[in-house]
Protein backbone atom coordinates (compact mmCIF):
# COMPACT_ATOMS: atom_id res chain seq x y z
CA MET A 1 0.00 0.00 0.00
CA ARG A 2 1.55 3.27 -1.15
CA VAL A 3 1.67 6.24 1.25
CA LEU A 4 2.56 9.81 0.32
CA ILE A 5 3.53 12.24 3.08
CA THR A 6 4.14 15.82 2.03
CA GLY A 7 6.52 17.93 4.09
CA GLY A 8 8.33 14.84 5.32
CA THR A 9 11.35 16.63 6.74
CA GLY A 10 9.37 18.82 9.14
CA SER A 11 8.93 17.91 12.79
CA VAL A 12 5.53 16.23 12.32
CA GLY A 13 6.30 15.02 8.81
CA ALA A 14 9.41 13.15 9.95
CA GLU A 15 7.45 11.44 12.74
CA LEU A 16 4.83 10.40 10.21
CA VAL A 17 7.51 8.96 7.95
CA LYS A 18 9.00 6.99 10.85
CA ARG A 19 5.63 5.72 12.09
CA PHE A 20 4.35 4.48 8.75
CA SER A 21 7.72 2.98 7.84
CA LEU A 22 7.50 0.73 10.90
CA ASP A 23 4.50 -1.01 9.32
CA LYS A 24 5.83 -3.21 6.53
CA LYS A 25 2.54 -3.16 4.63
CA TYR A 26 3.18 0.47 3.73
CA LYS A 27 5.56 1.70 1.04
CA VAL A 28 6.34 5.26 2.15
CA THR A 29 7.25 8.19 -0.06
CA PHE A 30 7.69 11.71 1.28
CA THR A 31 8.35 15.11 -0.23
CA TYR A 32 10.96 17.63 0.77
CA HIS A 33 11.45 21.24 -0.26
CA SER A 34 15.05 22.35 0.17
CA ASN A 35 16.87 20.22 2.73
CA LYS A 36 17.97 17.38 0.45
CA ILE A 37 20.65 16.06 2.79
CA ARG A 38 18.20 15.75 5.67
CA ALA A 39 15.63 14.13 3.38
CA LEU A 40 18.06 11.52 2.08
CA GLU A 41 19.23 10.70 5.61
CA LEU A 42 15.63 10.16 6.71
CA ALA A 43 14.84 8.09 3.64
CA ASP A 44 17.88 5.90 4.25
CA ALA A 45 17.09 5.45 7.95
CA CYS A 46 13.46 4.52 7.26
CA ASN A 47 14.00 2.58 4.04
CA CYS A 48 11.63 4.82 2.10
CA GLN A 49 11.73 7.29 -0.78
CA ALA A 50 12.33 11.05 -0.73
CA ILE A 51 11.10 13.08 -3.70
CA THR A 52 10.44 16.66 -4.74
CA ILE A 53 6.91 17.91 -5.36
CA ASP A 54 7.49 17.65 -9.11
CA GLU A 55 7.98 13.89 -8.78
CA ILE A 56 4.64 13.14 -7.10
CA GLU A 57 2.75 10.37 -8.88
CA ASP A 58 -0.96 9.64 -9.18
CA ASN A 59 -1.32 6.19 -7.64
CA TYR A 60 -1.03 6.58 -3.87
CA ASP A 61 -3.46 4.73 -1.62
CA ILE A 62 -2.92 7.11 1.31
CA ILE A 63 -2.18 10.82 1.14
CA ILE A 64 -1.11 12.82 4.18
CA ASN A 65 -0.84 16.54 3.44
CA CYS A 66 1.56 17.74 6.11
CA ALA A 67 3.57 20.43 4.30
CA GLY A 68 2.80 23.89 5.66
CA VAL A 69 4.27 27.32 6.24
CA VAL A 70 3.85 30.25 8.59
CA ASN A 71 5.67 33.06 6.84
CA SER A 72 3.77 36.12 8.05
CA LEU A 73 3.40 37.34 11.63
CA ALA A 74 1.69 40.69 11.23
CA PRO A 75 -1.67 42.45 11.47
CA ILE A 76 -3.81 42.08 8.36
CA GLU A 77 -3.14 45.61 7.11
CA ASP A 78 0.62 44.92 7.18
CA ILE A 79 0.56 41.53 5.44
CA ASP A 80 2.82 41.25 2.42
CA VAL A 81 0.66 40.10 -0.51
CA ASN A 82 3.42 37.83 -1.81
CA LYS A 83 3.61 36.07 1.54
CA TRP A 84 -0.18 35.71 1.54
CA GLU A 85 -0.03 34.06 -1.89
CA GLU A 86 2.83 31.76 -0.85
CA THR A 87 0.93 30.63 2.24
CA MET A 88 -2.20 29.86 0.21
CA HIS A 89 -0.14 27.99 -2.37
CA VAL A 90 1.66 25.74 0.12
CA ASN A 91 -1.11 25.25 2.68
CA LEU A 92 -4.16 25.00 0.42
CA TYR A 93 -3.50 24.93 -3.33
CA PHE A 94 -0.82 22.25 -3.14
CA PRO A 95 -2.93 19.83 -1.06
CA PHE A 96 -5.78 20.35 -3.53
CA ILE A 97 -3.54 19.46 -6.47
CA VAL A 98 -2.16 16.34 -4.78
CA ILE A 99 -5.65 15.16 -3.85
CA LYS A 100 -7.10 15.93 -7.28
CA LYS A 101 -4.29 14.03 -8.97
CA ASN A 102 -4.86 10.87 -6.93
CA LEU A 103 -8.65 10.72 -6.65
CA PRO A 104 -9.14 8.86 -9.96
CA TYR A 105 -6.80 6.08 -8.78
CA MET A 106 -8.43 5.85 -5.36
CA ARG A 107 -11.87 5.78 -6.99
CA SER A 108 -10.80 2.94 -9.30
CA GLN A 109 -9.52 1.00 -6.27
CA LYS A 110 -12.68 1.80 -4.29
CA TRP A 111 -10.47 2.68 -1.33
CA GLY A 112 -8.40 5.59 -0.17
CA ARG A 113 -7.36 7.58 2.88
CA ILE A 114 -6.65 11.31 2.81
CA ILE A 115 -5.51 13.17 5.90
CA ASN A 116 -5.00 16.92 5.85
CA ILE A 117 -2.95 18.33 8.71
CA ALA A 118 -4.81 21.54 9.54
CA SER A 119 -4.60 23.39 12.86
CA ILE A 120 -6.66 24.69 15.75
CA TYR A 121 -6.30 27.97 13.83
CA GLY A 122 -8.34 26.36 11.08
CA VAL A 123 -11.37 26.48 13.40
CA CYS A 124 -10.62 29.64 15.39
CA ALA A 125 -8.69 32.80 14.65
CA GLU A 126 -5.56 34.19 16.27
CA GLU A 127 -3.89 37.57 15.99
CA ASP A 128 -1.04 38.11 13.51
CA VAL A 129 -1.46 34.80 11.62
CA ALA A 130 -4.32 35.58 9.22
CA PRO A 131 -2.76 33.95 6.11
CA TYR A 132 -2.07 30.74 8.01
CA SER A 133 -5.49 30.70 9.68
CA VAL A 134 -7.36 31.42 6.45
CA SER A 135 -5.43 28.72 4.58
CA LYS A 136 -6.19 26.15 7.27
CA HIS A 137 -9.89 27.12 7.33
CA GLY A 138 -9.83 26.51 3.58
CA LEU A 139 -8.09 23.17 4.01
CA ILE A 140 -10.86 22.04 6.34
CA GLY A 141 -13.42 23.11 3.73
CA LEU A 142 -11.57 21.09 1.10
CA THR A 143 -11.55 18.11 3.48
CA LYS A 144 -15.32 18.22 3.90
CA SER A 145 -15.93 18.59 0.17
CA VAL A 146 -13.76 15.60 -0.73
CA ALA A 147 -15.38 13.49 2.01
CA LYS A 148 -18.89 14.33 0.85
CA GLU A 149 -18.21 13.64 -2.84
CA TYR A 150 -16.08 10.51 -2.58
CA ALA A 151 -17.38 8.56 0.44
CA LYS A 152 -19.38 6.36 -1.93
CA TYR A 153 -16.10 5.15 -3.43
CA GLY A 154 -14.65 3.96 -0.13
CA ILE A 155 -12.48 7.07 0.23
CA THR A 156 -12.26 8.96 3.50
CA CYS A 157 -10.87 12.45 4.00
CA ASN A 158 -10.31 13.95 7.44
CA ALA A 159 -8.63 17.01 8.90
CA VAL A 160 -6.40 16.72 11.96
CA CYS A 161 -6.09 19.93 13.94
CA PRO A 162 -3.21 20.05 16.41
CA ALA A 163 -2.69 22.81 18.93
CA THR A 164 0.79 24.32 19.14
CA ILE A 165 3.28 21.56 18.43
CA VAL A 166 6.74 21.10 19.93
CA SER A 167 8.42 21.74 16.59
CA GLU A 168 10.92 23.71 14.59
CA MET A 169 8.11 25.94 13.34
CA CYS A 170 7.14 26.75 16.92
CA ASP A 171 10.77 27.55 17.70
CA ARG A 172 10.94 29.97 14.76
CA ILE A 173 7.78 31.76 15.90
CA ALA A 174 9.14 31.97 19.45
CA ALA A 175 12.35 33.50 18.09
CA PHE A 176 10.28 36.16 16.32
CA TYR A 177 8.45 37.21 19.48
CA THR A 178 11.29 36.92 22.01
CA LYS A 179 14.81 38.25 22.36
CA THR A 180 16.21 36.72 25.54
CA PRO A 181 16.17 33.23 27.10
CA LYS A 182 13.90 34.56 29.86
CA GLU A 183 11.43 35.94 27.32
CA ARG A 184 11.50 32.63 25.47
CA GLU A 185 10.83 30.73 28.67
CA ASP A 186 7.92 33.04 29.51
CA TYR A 187 6.56 32.71 25.97
CA PHE A 188 6.40 28.91 26.16
CA ARG A 189 4.97 29.06 29.66
CA MET A 190 2.20 31.29 28.32
CA LEU A 191 1.47 28.84 25.50
CA CYS A 192 1.22 25.93 27.93
CA GLU A 193 -0.95 27.84 30.40
CA ALA A 194 -3.50 28.53 27.64
CA VAL A 195 -4.05 24.78 27.20
CA PRO A 196 -6.13 22.86 29.77
CA ALA A 197 -3.59 20.00 29.56
CA LYS A 198 -0.87 22.55 30.46
CA ARG A 199 1.53 21.37 27.77
CA LEU A 200 2.08 21.42 24.03
CA VAL A 201 1.43 18.49 21.72
CA TYR A 202 4.33 16.33 20.55
CA PRO A 203 4.86 15.34 16.88
CA ASN A 204 4.70 11.61 17.66
CA GLU A 205 1.23 12.08 19.18
CA VAL A 206 0.01 13.57 15.92
CA ALA A 207 1.68 10.77 13.95
CA GLU A 208 0.04 8.03 16.01
CA PHE A 209 -3.38 9.63 15.57
CA VAL A 210 -2.96 9.91 11.81
CA TYR A 211 -1.72 6.31 11.63
CA PHE A 212 -4.96 5.15 13.27
CA LEU A 213 -7.11 7.21 10.89
CA CYS A 214 -5.48 5.51 7.92
CA GLY A 215 -6.30 2.00 9.14
CA GLU A 216 -9.26 -0.25 8.46
CA ASN A 217 -10.83 0.43 11.86
CA ALA A 218 -11.28 4.12 10.98
CA GLY A 219 -13.25 3.57 7.78
CA TYR A 220 -16.40 5.26 9.11
CA ILE A 221 -14.61 8.41 10.24
CA ASN A 222 -15.05 10.75 7.31
CA GLY A 223 -15.25 14.50 6.75
CA ALA A 224 -14.30 15.09 10.37
CA THR A 225 -12.38 17.98 11.86
CA LEU A 226 -10.47 16.20 14.61
CA MET A 227 -8.83 18.15 17.39
CA ILE A 228 -5.65 17.06 19.10
CA ASP A 229 -5.30 20.09 21.34
CA GLY A 230 -5.32 19.13 25.01
CA GLY A 231 -8.77 20.64 25.40
CA TYR A 232 -7.87 24.07 24.00
CA THR A 233 -10.97 24.37 21.80
CA ALA A 234 -13.35 22.61 24.21
């Protein structure tokens, strides 16, 4: 069974690659953007394939859209239009293209699993991240549309919405808002305090959840917006 994971060198993406590679029934392929050395090391360690987005094929049984960017931290009136367009392209347009390309194959097989990694900011807004939030709201809309149209072919499509993840992306955002180690410590304490569970979510927790959703026992979960947020949106 062929699995495609986009954004495979990111914090969550790499955990997804590792998790699915442990199950020998899956043949894992993942995409990378610029860090070829890291991608090849991961591919070698997990005995899977690393490709660029231009090499994506049209016969995957499972698609996990994990690639994403946060490239604008500013009020709406100050957003750079080019950054807005880049965010929409990576976070929404690209998943659409990958899904569209593979739906005919999944339909012919009468089986398929599509997981879109969205965000809690795909169901609620937050200051200074409008492009990211809008793109993730759109990704959830795409998820529901695919689920509604293709359920009759044995295809499921779900959106997984993590809260703030212990990740490189989170570290980059923290670096933007803080200047000293003390400020960084306070920043992460604030993030944790906002969550009822009083901690952030780890990449392996997201990976395990997605792994379950791609299995046979999750065949009736479809079109869902699934939170993994420690109670943040409760």
